[in-house]
Amino acid sequence: MMPDKSMAIIEKWKVKLEGSGILVVIGGHDSPSPRGVGYSKNQAIAQSSGSYLCFLDSDDVMMPQRVRLQLEAAVRHPTSGSAPGILCGHSFLVRGTST
C-alpha cells in the first residue's frame, strides 16, 4: 500500500491560499484509523470563528456563484432565536447544463 500523501497536498494548498490572504487551519487526530467526514466537519466547526462556514466534499463540484448566492440567501432569511441557520442545496449537471 502506498503512503498517503494528503498532508503534503494540504501543505502546498495552504501556502497558495494563505498567499492570497485566506487563513487555513489544519487539524488532525492521533487515532491510527480514519475518523470519517463527520469528525472532520465537527472539527472544522469547532475551529471556525466566522459567521458562516461552507463545506465542499471531495466528490462535489462548486459552481462559481455558489458562495455568493448562499450568503445572499442567508442574509435575506436570517434565523430567529438562537438556532443556527442551515442553508443546503444542490443542483445536478446534466450534459453540460445545470438543472
C-alpha atoms as a PDB file:
ATOM      1  CA  MET A   1       0.000   0.000   0.000  1.00  0.00           C
ATOM      2  CA  MET A   2       1.349   3.429  -0.946  1.00  0.00           C
ATOM      3  CA  PRO A   3       1.712   6.019   1.811  1.00  0.00           C
ATOM      4  CA  ASP A   4      -0.966   8.679   1.964  1.00  0.00           C
ATOM      5  CA  LYS A   5       0.290  11.990   0.579  1.00  0.00           C
ATOM      6  CA  SER A   6      -2.689  14.012   1.793  1.00  0.00           C
ATOM      7  CA  MET A   7      -0.684  16.164   4.215  1.00  0.00           C
ATOM      8  CA  ALA A   8       1.846  17.159   1.527  1.00  0.00           C
ATOM      9  CA  ILE A   9      -1.022  18.173  -0.771  1.00  0.00           C
ATOM     10  CA  ILE A  10      -2.720  20.124   2.009  1.00  0.00           C
ATOM     11  CA  GLU A  11       0.516  21.934   2.902  1.00  0.00           C
ATOM     12  CA  LYS A  12       1.004  23.019  -0.736  1.00  0.00           C
ATOM     13  CA  TRP A  13      -2.534  24.389  -0.889  1.00  0.00           C
ATOM     14  CA  LYS A  14      -2.082  26.112   2.475  1.00  0.00           C
ATOM     15  CA  VAL A  15       0.861  28.110   1.118  1.00  0.00           C
ATOM     16  CA  LYS A  16      -1.101  29.105  -2.000  1.00  0.00           C
ATOM     17  CA  LEU A  17      -4.258  30.053  -0.103  1.00  0.00           C
ATOM     18  CA  GLU A  18      -2.507  31.960   2.668  1.00  0.00           C
ATOM     19  CA  GLY A  19      -0.507  33.793  -0.012  1.00  0.00           C
ATOM     20  CA  SER A  20      -3.896  35.024  -1.262  1.00  0.00           C
ATOM     21  CA  GLY A  21      -4.961  36.146   2.218  1.00  0.00           C
ATOM     22  CA  ILE A  22      -7.074  33.099   3.127  1.00  0.00           C
ATOM     23  CA  LEU A  23      -6.429  31.687   6.595  1.00  0.00           C
ATOM     24  CA  VAL A  24      -6.003  27.901   6.605  1.00  0.00           C
ATOM     25  CA  VAL A  25      -6.298  25.842   9.786  1.00  0.00           C
ATOM     26  CA  ILE A  26      -5.109  22.242   9.554  1.00  0.00           C
ATOM     27  CA  GLY A  27      -6.394  19.851  12.192  1.00  0.00           C
ATOM     28  CA  GLY A  28      -5.913  16.192  12.858  1.00  0.00           C
ATOM     29  CA  HIS A  29      -6.136  13.409  15.395  1.00  0.00           C
ATOM     30  CA  ASP A  30      -3.913  10.746  16.934  1.00  0.00           C
ATOM     31  CA  SER A  31      -6.109   7.788  16.043  1.00  0.00           C
ATOM     32  CA  PRO A  32      -4.447   5.129  13.863  1.00  0.00           C
ATOM     33  CA  SER A  33      -7.691   4.675  11.921  1.00  0.00           C
ATOM     34  CA  PRO A  34      -9.707   7.275   9.967  1.00  0.00           C
ATOM     35  CA  ARG A  35     -12.332   9.176  11.924  1.00  0.00           C
ATOM     36  CA  GLY A  36     -14.609   9.985   8.972  1.00  0.00           C
ATOM     37  CA  VAL A  37     -16.141  13.043   7.388  1.00  0.00           C
ATOM     38  CA  GLY A  38     -18.439  13.735  10.346  1.00  0.00           C
ATOM     39  CA  TYR A  39     -15.479  14.054  12.688  1.00  0.00           C
ATOM     40  CA  SER A  40     -13.689  16.322  10.221  1.00  0.00           C
ATOM     41  CA  LYS A  41     -16.685  18.614   9.784  1.00  0.00           C
ATOM     42  CA  ASN A  42     -17.248  18.824  13.534  1.00  0.00           C
ATOM     43  CA  GLN A  43     -13.579  19.787  13.971  1.00  0.00           C
ATOM     44  CA  ALA A  44     -13.953  22.488  11.317  1.00  0.00           C
ATOM     45  CA  ILE A  45     -16.996  23.887  13.106  1.00  0.00           C
ATOM     46  CA  ALA A  46     -15.147  23.868  16.449  1.00  0.00           C
ATOM     47  CA  GLN A  47     -12.141  25.683  14.927  1.00  0.00           C
ATOM     48  CA  SER A  48     -14.110  28.250  12.937  1.00  0.00           C
ATOM     49  CA  SER A  49     -14.542  31.823  14.092  1.00  0.00           C
ATOM     50  CA  GLY A  50     -16.613  33.424  11.315  1.00  0.00           C
ATOM     51  CA  SER A  51     -20.322  33.897  10.908  1.00  0.00           C
ATOM     52  CA  TYR A  52     -20.621  31.427   8.038  1.00  0.00           C
ATOM     53  CA  LEU A  53     -18.995  28.137   7.149  1.00  0.00           C
ATOM     54  CA  CYS A  54     -19.017  26.463   3.735  1.00  0.00           C
ATOM     55  CA  PHE A  55     -18.260  22.800   3.095  1.00  0.00           C
ATOM     56  CA  LEU A  56     -17.364  21.112  -0.163  1.00  0.00           C
ATOM     57  CA  ASP A  57     -16.985  17.353  -0.233  1.00  0.00           C
ATOM     58  CA  SER A  58     -14.315  15.763  -2.417  1.00  0.00           C
ATOM     59  CA  ASP A  59     -16.918  14.364  -4.805  1.00  0.00           C
ATOM     60  CA  ASP A  60     -18.801  17.673  -5.235  1.00  0.00           C
ATOM     61  CA  VAL A  61     -18.423  20.476  -7.758  1.00  0.00           C
ATOM     62  CA  MET A  62     -18.814  24.084  -6.638  1.00  0.00           C
ATOM     63  CA  MET A  63     -20.320  26.423  -9.192  1.00  0.00           C
ATOM     64  CA  PRO A  64     -18.674  29.879  -9.290  1.00  0.00           C
ATOM     65  CA  GLN A  65     -21.697  31.692  -7.828  1.00  0.00           C
ATOM     66  CA  ARG A  66     -22.430  29.215  -5.009  1.00  0.00           C
ATOM     67  CA  VAL A  67     -20.935  31.080  -2.054  1.00  0.00           C
ATOM     68  CA  ARG A  68     -22.325  34.451  -3.159  1.00  0.00           C
ATOM     69  CA  LEU A  69     -25.837  33.042  -3.639  1.00  0.00           C
ATOM     70  CA  GLN A  70     -25.796  31.205  -0.313  1.00  0.00           C
ATOM     71  CA  LEU A  71     -24.575  34.289   1.535  1.00  0.00           C
ATOM     72  CA  GLU A  72     -27.263  36.450  -0.090  1.00  0.00           C
ATOM     73  CA  ALA A  73     -29.937  33.904   0.879  1.00  0.00           C
ATOM     74  CA  ALA A  74     -28.626  33.704   4.458  1.00  0.00           C
ATOM     75  CA  VAL A  75     -28.730  37.489   4.784  1.00  0.00           C
ATOM     76  CA  ARG A  76     -32.257  37.659   3.302  1.00  0.00           C
ATOM     77  CA  HIS A  77     -33.566  34.873   5.552  1.00  0.00           C
ATOM     78  CA  PRO A  78     -31.855  35.084   8.952  1.00  0.00           C
ATOM     79  CA  THR A  79     -32.871  32.532  11.548  1.00  0.00           C
ATOM     80  CA  SER A  80     -34.965  33.523  14.515  1.00  0.00           C
ATOM     81  CA  GLY A  81     -33.980  32.858  18.104  1.00  0.00           C
ATOM     82  CA  SER A  82     -30.717  31.144  18.979  1.00  0.00           C
ATOM     83  CA  ALA A  83     -30.903  28.250  16.492  1.00  0.00           C
ATOM     84  CA  PRO A  84     -28.139  28.343  13.875  1.00  0.00           C
ATOM     85  CA  GLY A  85     -29.161  28.699  10.247  1.00  0.00           C
ATOM     86  CA  ILE A  86     -28.517  25.866   7.866  1.00  0.00           C
ATOM     87  CA  LEU A  87     -28.649  26.500   4.146  1.00  0.00           C
ATOM     88  CA  CYS A  88     -28.392  23.452   1.940  1.00  0.00           C
ATOM     89  CA  GLY A  89     -28.959  22.907  -1.713  1.00  0.00           C
ATOM     90  CA  HIS A  90     -27.648  21.211  -4.748  1.00  0.00           C
ATOM     91  CA  SER A  91     -28.049  21.055  -8.476  1.00  0.00           C
ATOM     92  CA  PHE A  92     -27.183  18.352 -10.942  1.00  0.00           C
ATOM     93  CA  LEU A  93     -25.074  18.870 -14.009  1.00  0.00           C
ATOM     94  CA  VAL A  94     -26.597  17.021 -16.944  1.00  0.00           C
ATOM     95  CA  ARG A  95     -24.832  17.104 -20.307  1.00  0.00           C
ATOM     96  CA  GLY A  96     -23.188  20.432 -19.546  1.00  0.00           C
ATOM     97  CA  THR A  97     -26.299  22.233 -18.307  1.00  0.00           C
ATOM     98  CA  SER A  98     -27.315  22.932 -14.731  1.00  0.00           C
ATOM     99  CA  THR A  99     -30.752  21.516 -13.850  1.00  0.00           C
END
